[in-house]
Amino acid sequence: MSTQNTMRAISQDVLGGPEVLKEVEIERPAPRPNEVLVRVRAAGVNPTDWKHRATGGFLGDPPFVLGWDVSGVVEAVGIGVAAFAPGDEVFGMLPYPFGHGSHAEYVIAPVRALARKPAGIDHVQAGALPLVSLTAWQALVEHAELRPGQRVLIHAAAGGVGHVAVQIAKARGAHVIGTASAGKHGFLREIGVDEAVDYRETDFTEAVKDVDVVLDTIGGDNALRSLRVLRPGGVVVSILPGGSDDFYEEAGRLGVRAVRMLVDADRAGMETIAELAETGRLRATIAGTFPLAAAAEAHASGDTGRTTGKLVLVDD
């Protein structure tokens, strides 16, 4: 049971499968200047969480508390914070990758990583949206400069990033092509996909042509192969930052652009996401909710690679 000076959190001492996650009692942090302390009501679980749990990723060796998505209530503010006050409902993405820690009762966030939670959505929705939505927004709008009428191919369009990217692309007036297994094509049509491609039965490089933008959520050879479906001057944006220089070299040979990116915390982006959510143009599909104590179950579900939409930890 947490006290006034402590909090519950999900941590790990070693790298490995979901079973390494455990509930611990740790010191409750205090906000420094330009920081807020948020009482977490919901926090998304993303592929980057289970990858860091298993490999350490950017974070190195544990112990650490994962979680970049957060929706909750401001508990306290540091010196100089003018945008929020205790009691305000906020949501956002903690700075990636080193701002992690939302899989806990409380988390510290830089004030500019947060936006006001839209009144029209609950904390589960708000906790599901930030990382995937900012990733999709920055990829499609900031890097690809997606414009109305353009053709965009979104890989793994039923996944966490994919299904919000579809909605953002449609909100931008694009023609959207999405890849997913055949069983998920009905879902793709519900969220606005114009053409669905069964990646298990069809080589997308043969089925799709003359695309302006490709959002690669898979990485590896998939990013390289995606260059072949572009129109001259088109762009592949991959959200997987590692890989061979062949990606850039082949893009240059074909007269197209290749971009690798990592998502970055951004209040302006979050405010755009909030507006899309408030007006009903963006909604996360919730694949499952889990109490904080059941974080290992959420990770086990994510490890299957078959979830449609987002997994979320909720206040228990």
Protein backbone atom coordinates (compact mmCIF):
# COMPACT_ATOMS: atom_id res chain seq x y z
CA MET A 1 0.00 0.00 0.00
CA SER A 2 1.54 3.30 -1.08
CA THR A 3 1.95 6.17 1.39
CA GLN A 4 2.09 9.93 0.88
CA ASN A 5 5.78 9.67 -0.02
CA THR A 6 5.75 6.45 -2.03
CA MET A 7 3.93 5.00 -5.03
CA ARG A 8 3.30 1.71 -6.77
CA ALA A 9 5.11 1.12 -10.06
CA ILE A 10 5.83 -1.70 -12.48
CA SER A 11 9.55 -2.40 -12.64
CA GLN A 12 12.01 -5.15 -13.53
CA ASP A 13 15.45 -6.18 -12.35
CA VAL A 14 16.41 -8.22 -15.43
CA LEU A 15 15.60 -8.26 -19.12
CA GLY A 16 13.26 -10.93 -20.42
CA GLY A 17 9.65 -11.93 -20.98
CA PRO A 18 6.55 -10.49 -19.34
CA GLU A 19 7.25 -12.54 -16.21
CA VAL A 20 10.16 -10.22 -15.26
CA LEU A 21 7.71 -7.38 -14.56
CA LYS A 22 6.79 -6.87 -10.92
CA GLU A 23 4.92 -4.38 -8.79
CA VAL A 24 7.23 -2.41 -6.50
CA GLU A 25 6.95 0.44 -4.02
CA ILE A 26 9.23 3.35 -4.86
CA GLU A 27 9.64 6.97 -3.82
CA ARG A 28 7.08 9.36 -5.23
CA PRO A 29 8.93 12.03 -7.26
CA ALA A 30 8.52 15.77 -6.78
CA PRO A 31 8.25 18.15 -9.75
CA ARG A 32 11.22 20.38 -10.52
CA PRO A 33 10.91 23.74 -12.33
CA ASN A 34 8.75 23.45 -15.46
CA GLU A 35 7.62 19.95 -14.49
CA VAL A 36 4.29 18.57 -13.28
CA LEU A 37 3.48 15.54 -11.17
CA VAL A 38 0.61 13.60 -12.78
CA ARG A 39 -1.60 11.10 -11.00
CA VAL A 40 -1.84 8.44 -13.71
CA ARG A 41 -5.35 7.32 -14.63
CA ALA A 42 -4.45 5.44 -17.82
CA ALA A 43 -1.24 4.66 -19.70
CA GLY A 44 -0.89 3.00 -23.06
CA VAL A 45 1.36 -0.01 -23.58
CA ASN A 46 3.20 0.11 -26.90
CA PRO A 47 5.54 -2.21 -28.81
CA THR A 48 8.45 -0.06 -27.64
CA ASP A 49 7.56 -1.04 -24.06
CA TRP A 50 7.80 -4.77 -24.61
CA LYS A 51 10.90 -4.35 -26.78
CA HIS A 52 12.65 -2.37 -24.02
CA ARG A 53 11.49 -4.91 -21.43
CA ALA A 54 13.11 -7.70 -23.44
CA THR A 55 16.26 -6.01 -24.76
CA GLY A 56 16.91 -2.84 -22.78
CA GLY A 57 16.87 -0.86 -26.02
CA PHE A 58 17.81 2.77 -25.52
CA LEU A 59 17.50 2.43 -21.75
CA GLY A 60 20.25 -0.12 -21.15
CA ASP A 61 20.13 -2.37 -18.13
CA PRO A 62 17.25 -2.34 -15.62
CA PRO A 63 15.88 -1.52 -13.15
CA PHE A 64 13.51 0.90 -14.89
CA VAL A 65 9.83 1.75 -15.05
CA LEU A 66 8.46 1.72 -18.59
CA GLY A 67 5.62 3.70 -20.12
CA TRP A 68 5.55 6.81 -22.32
CA ASP A 69 1.80 7.37 -22.73
CA VAL A 70 -0.04 9.08 -19.91
CA SER A 71 -3.47 10.46 -19.14
CA GLY A 72 -4.27 11.69 -15.67
CA VAL A 73 -4.74 14.54 -13.26
CA VAL A 74 -2.15 17.13 -12.27
CA GLU A 75 -1.21 16.49 -8.64
CA ALA A 76 1.45 19.16 -8.19
CA VAL A 77 3.39 21.66 -10.29
CA GLY A 78 6.98 22.84 -10.17
CA ILE A 79 8.23 26.39 -10.07
CA GLY A 80 7.37 28.36 -13.21
CA VAL A 81 4.55 26.15 -14.48
CA ALA A 82 1.85 28.49 -15.79
CA ALA A 83 -0.05 26.20 -18.19
CA PHE A 84 -1.54 23.81 -15.63
CA ALA A 85 -2.70 23.70 -12.03
CA PRO A 86 -3.45 20.85 -9.63
CA GLY A 87 -6.70 19.18 -10.62
CA ASP A 88 -6.31 19.75 -14.38
CA GLU A 89 -6.85 16.70 -16.58
CA VAL A 90 -3.94 16.27 -19.01
CA PHE A 91 -2.55 13.77 -21.48
CA GLY A 92 0.61 13.44 -23.49
CA MET A 93 3.72 11.48 -24.35
CA LEU A 94 6.75 11.63 -22.07
CA PRO A 95 9.97 12.59 -23.91
CA TYR A 96 11.09 9.59 -25.95
CA PRO A 97 13.12 7.59 -25.11
CA PHE A 98 14.43 8.81 -21.76
CA GLY A 99 11.26 10.27 -20.22
CA HIS A 100 9.69 6.88 -19.52
CA GLY A 101 7.92 5.98 -16.28
CA SER A 102 4.14 6.22 -16.69
CA HIS A 103 3.44 2.60 -15.69
CA ALA A 104 3.08 3.77 -12.12
CA GLU A 105 0.64 5.60 -9.86
CA TYR A 106 2.41 8.93 -10.50
CA VAL A 107 4.83 10.25 -13.08
CA ILE A 108 6.81 13.44 -13.66
CA ALA A 109 6.36 15.14 -17.03
CA PRO A 110 7.88 18.27 -18.57
CA VAL A 111 5.04 20.77 -18.87
CA ARG A 112 5.49 21.08 -22.65
CA ALA A 113 4.96 17.33 -23.17
CA LEU A 114 1.35 17.65 -22.05
CA ALA A 115 -1.92 19.05 -23.36
CA ARG A 116 -5.33 19.34 -21.76
CA LYS A 117 -7.31 16.13 -22.07
CA PRO A 118 -10.34 16.66 -24.31
CA ALA A 119 -13.51 16.71 -22.23
CA GLY A 120 -15.24 14.45 -24.74
CA ILE A 121 -12.97 11.43 -24.27
CA ASP A 122 -12.20 9.36 -21.18
CA HIS A 123 -8.80 8.62 -19.68
CA VAL A 124 -8.57 5.23 -21.41
CA GLN A 125 -8.91 6.89 -24.83
CA ALA A 126 -6.58 9.69 -23.83
CA GLY A 127 -4.02 7.25 -22.44
CA ALA A 128 -4.06 5.21 -25.64
CA LEU A 129 -3.51 8.04 -28.10
CA PRO A 130 -0.32 10.04 -27.45
CA LEU A 131 2.66 7.97 -28.65
CA VAL A 132 0.98 6.37 -31.63
CA SER A 133 -0.76 9.58 -32.69
CA LEU A 134 2.34 11.75 -32.42
CA THR A 135 4.32 9.11 -34.32
CA ALA A 136 1.76 9.06 -37.13
CA TRP A 137 1.36 12.86 -37.19
CA GLN A 138 5.08 13.54 -37.29
CA ALA A 139 5.64 10.88 -39.96
CA LEU A 140 2.76 11.81 -42.26
CA VAL A 141 2.45 15.56 -41.76
CA GLU A 142 5.84 16.86 -40.62
CA HIS A 143 8.16 14.55 -42.56
CA ALA A 144 6.04 13.43 -45.54
CA GLU A 145 4.02 16.68 -45.83
CA LEU A 146 0.93 14.66 -46.77
CA ARG A 147 -1.55 16.69 -48.82
CA PRO A 148 -5.20 16.21 -49.84
CA GLY A 149 -5.66 13.79 -52.72
CA GLN A 150 -2.33 12.02 -52.27
CA ARG A 151 -2.07 8.25 -52.11
CA VAL A 152 -0.61 6.83 -48.90
CA LEU A 153 0.28 3.23 -48.07
CA ILE A 154 0.20 2.36 -44.36
CA HIS A 155 1.79 -0.92 -43.30
CA ALA A 156 0.23 -2.89 -40.42
CA ALA A 157 -2.75 -0.57 -40.68
CA ALA A 158 -4.69 -2.36 -37.92
CA GLY A 159 -1.89 -1.96 -35.38
CA GLY A 160 -1.37 0.75 -32.80
CA VAL A 161 0.37 3.32 -34.98
CA GLY A 162 -1.28 2.06 -38.16
CA HIS A 163 -4.90 2.50 -37.18
CA VAL A 164 -4.43 6.07 -35.96
CA ALA A 165 -2.28 6.86 -39.02
CA VAL A 166 -5.20 5.79 -41.22
CA GLN A 167 -7.49 8.24 -39.45
CA ILE A 168 -4.97 11.08 -39.57
CA ALA A 169 -4.38 10.47 -43.28
CA LYS A 170 -8.12 10.50 -43.95
CA ALA A 171 -8.46 13.72 -41.95
CA ARG A 172 -5.81 15.17 -44.30
CA GLY A 173 -7.88 14.15 -47.33
CA ALA A 174 -5.64 11.32 -48.53
CA HIS A 175 -6.50 8.10 -50.37
CA VAL A 176 -5.42 5.36 -47.96
CA ILE A 177 -4.15 1.87 -48.76
CA GLY A 178 -3.53 -0.39 -45.77
CA THR A 179 -1.87 -3.76 -45.30
CA ALA A 180 -3.23 -6.31 -42.81
CA SER A 181 -4.24 -9.95 -42.71
CA ALA A 182 -7.55 -10.70 -44.42
CA GLY A 183 -9.39 -11.10 -41.12
CA LYS A 184 -8.75 -7.46 -40.29
CA HIS A 185 -9.93 -5.97 -43.58
CA GLY A 186 -13.41 -5.30 -42.21
CA PHE A 187 -11.87 -3.27 -39.41
CA LEU A 188 -9.72 -1.36 -41.90
CA ARG A 189 -12.79 -0.36 -43.90
CA GLU A 190 -14.53 0.80 -40.71
CA ILE A 191 -11.72 3.22 -39.92
CA GLY A 192 -11.58 4.59 -43.47
CA VAL A 193 -9.12 2.52 -45.51
CA ASP A 194 -9.92 2.81 -49.22
CA GLU A 195 -7.95 -0.26 -50.36
CA ALA A 196 -6.92 -3.21 -48.16
CA VAL A 197 -4.05 -5.54 -49.06
CA ASP A 198 -3.62 -8.98 -47.48
CA TYR A 199 0.12 -9.08 -46.92
CA ARG A 200 0.03 -12.83 -46.32
CA GLU A 201 -1.39 -13.63 -49.74
CA THR A 202 -0.21 -10.66 -51.82
CA ASP A 203 3.14 -9.03 -52.52
CA PHE A 204 2.33 -5.39 -51.87
CA THR A 205 5.02 -4.28 -54.33
CA GLU A 206 2.98 -5.88 -57.12
CA ALA A 207 -0.46 -4.86 -55.85
CA VAL A 208 0.29 -1.21 -55.07
CA LYS A 209 1.74 1.43 -57.42
CA ASP A 210 2.03 5.21 -57.80
CA VAL A 211 2.01 5.99 -54.09
CA ASP A 212 3.04 9.42 -52.76
CA VAL A 213 3.76 8.39 -49.16
CA VAL A 214 4.49 5.09 -47.42
CA LEU A 215 4.42 4.78 -43.63
CA ASP A 216 6.64 1.84 -42.70
CA THR A 217 5.86 0.47 -39.25
CA ILE A 218 7.72 -2.82 -39.75
CA GLY A 219 11.30 -1.93 -40.67
CA GLY A 220 14.03 -4.07 -42.19
CA ASP A 221 13.49 -5.23 -45.75
CA ASN A 222 9.93 -3.89 -45.67
CA ALA A 223 11.19 -0.29 -45.72
CA LEU A 224 13.53 -0.99 -48.63
CA ARG A 225 10.85 -2.80 -50.65
CA SER A 226 8.38 0.03 -50.02
CA LEU A 227 10.54 2.37 -52.11
CA ARG A 228 9.47 0.45 -55.22
CA VAL A 229 5.80 1.49 -54.98
CA LEU A 230 6.48 5.25 -54.91
CA ARG A 231 5.90 7.79 -57.61
CA PRO A 232 8.95 9.91 -58.52
CA GLY A 233 9.51 12.32 -55.66
CA GLY A 234 7.54 10.18 -53.20
CA VAL A 235 8.72 9.33 -49.69
CA VAL A 236 8.93 6.33 -47.37
CA VAL A 237 8.94 7.30 -43.70
CA SER A 238 10.04 4.47 -41.42
CA ILE A 239 9.42 4.70 -37.69
CA LEU A 240 12.08 2.05 -37.10
CA PRO A 241 15.32 4.05 -36.88
CA GLY A 242 17.88 1.28 -37.36
CA GLY A 243 18.87 -0.48 -40.55
CA SER A 244 21.14 -0.56 -43.57
CA ASP A 245 22.23 2.46 -45.60
CA ASP A 246 20.82 0.57 -48.59
CA PHE A 247 17.53 2.26 -47.73
CA TYR A 248 18.93 5.71 -48.49
CA GLU A 249 21.07 4.60 -51.41
CA GLU A 250 18.17 2.87 -53.16
CA ALA A 251 15.96 5.92 -52.60
CA GLY A 252 18.55 8.11 -54.29
CA ARG A 253 18.80 5.72 -57.23
CA LEU A 254 15.01 5.72 -57.67
CA GLY A 255 14.56 9.47 -57.31
CA VAL A 256 12.50 9.24 -54.13
CA ARG A 257 13.03 10.12 -50.46
CA ALA A 258 13.79 7.85 -47.51
CA VAL A 259 13.30 9.01 -43.92
CA ARG A 260 13.90 7.22 -40.63
CA MET A 261 12.52 8.88 -37.52
CA LEU A 262 11.87 8.60 -33.80
CA VAL A 263 8.83 10.23 -32.27
CA ASP A 264 9.45 13.34 -30.18
CA ALA A 265 7.36 14.87 -27.39
CA ASP A 266 5.53 17.98 -28.60
CA ARG A 267 2.72 20.05 -27.08
CA ALA A 268 1.66 21.56 -30.40
CA GLY A 269 1.31 18.06 -31.84
CA MET A 270 -0.64 16.93 -28.77
CA GLU A 271 -3.00 19.87 -29.10
CA THR A 272 -3.66 18.87 -32.72
CA ILE A 273 -4.30 15.29 -31.57
CA ALA A 274 -6.66 16.63 -28.91
CA GLU A 275 -8.63 18.59 -31.51
CA LEU A 276 -8.93 15.56 -33.80
CA ALA A 277 -10.10 13.43 -30.88
CA GLU A 278 -12.56 16.03 -29.60
CA THR A 279 -14.15 16.41 -33.03
CA GLY A 280 -14.47 12.66 -33.52
CA ARG A 281 -11.97 12.34 -36.36
CA LEU A 282 -9.52 10.29 -34.30
CA ARG A 283 -10.29 7.47 -31.93
CA ALA A 284 -8.14 4.68 -30.58
CA THR A 285 -9.48 1.16 -30.81
CA ILE A 286 -8.89 -0.42 -27.41
CA ALA A 287 -7.67 -4.01 -27.71
CA GLY A 288 -7.72 -4.48 -23.94
CA THR A 289 -7.46 -2.73 -20.58
CA PHE A 290 -5.54 -4.09 -17.61
CA PRO A 291 -5.10 -2.90 -14.03
CA LEU A 292 -1.59 -1.69 -13.22
CA ALA A 293 -0.90 -4.86 -11.23
CA ALA A 294 -1.61 -6.94 -14.36
CA ALA A 295 0.98 -5.20 -16.54
CA ALA A 296 2.64 -8.55 -17.29
CA GLU A 297 -0.63 -9.77 -18.85
CA ALA A 298 -0.76 -6.68 -21.06
CA HIS A 299 2.81 -7.32 -22.20
CA ALA A 300 2.02 -10.97 -22.89
CA SER A 301 -0.89 -9.90 -25.07
CA GLY A 302 1.33 -7.43 -26.91
CA ASP A 303 4.03 -10.02 -27.43
CA THR A 304 1.66 -12.03 -29.64
CA GLY A 305 1.88 -9.32 -32.31
CA ARG A 306 -1.80 -9.87 -33.13
CA THR A 307 -3.54 -7.08 -31.26
CA THR A 308 -5.82 -4.70 -33.13
CA GLY A 309 -5.45 -1.21 -31.73
CA LYS A 310 -4.07 -0.35 -28.29
CA LEU A 311 -3.50 -1.97 -24.90
CA VAL A 312 -3.94 0.28 -21.87
CA LEU A 313 -3.09 0.06 -18.17
CA VAL A 314 -5.70 1.68 -15.96
CA ASP A 315 -5.85 3.00 -12.43
CA ASP A 316 -6.77 0.16 -10.08
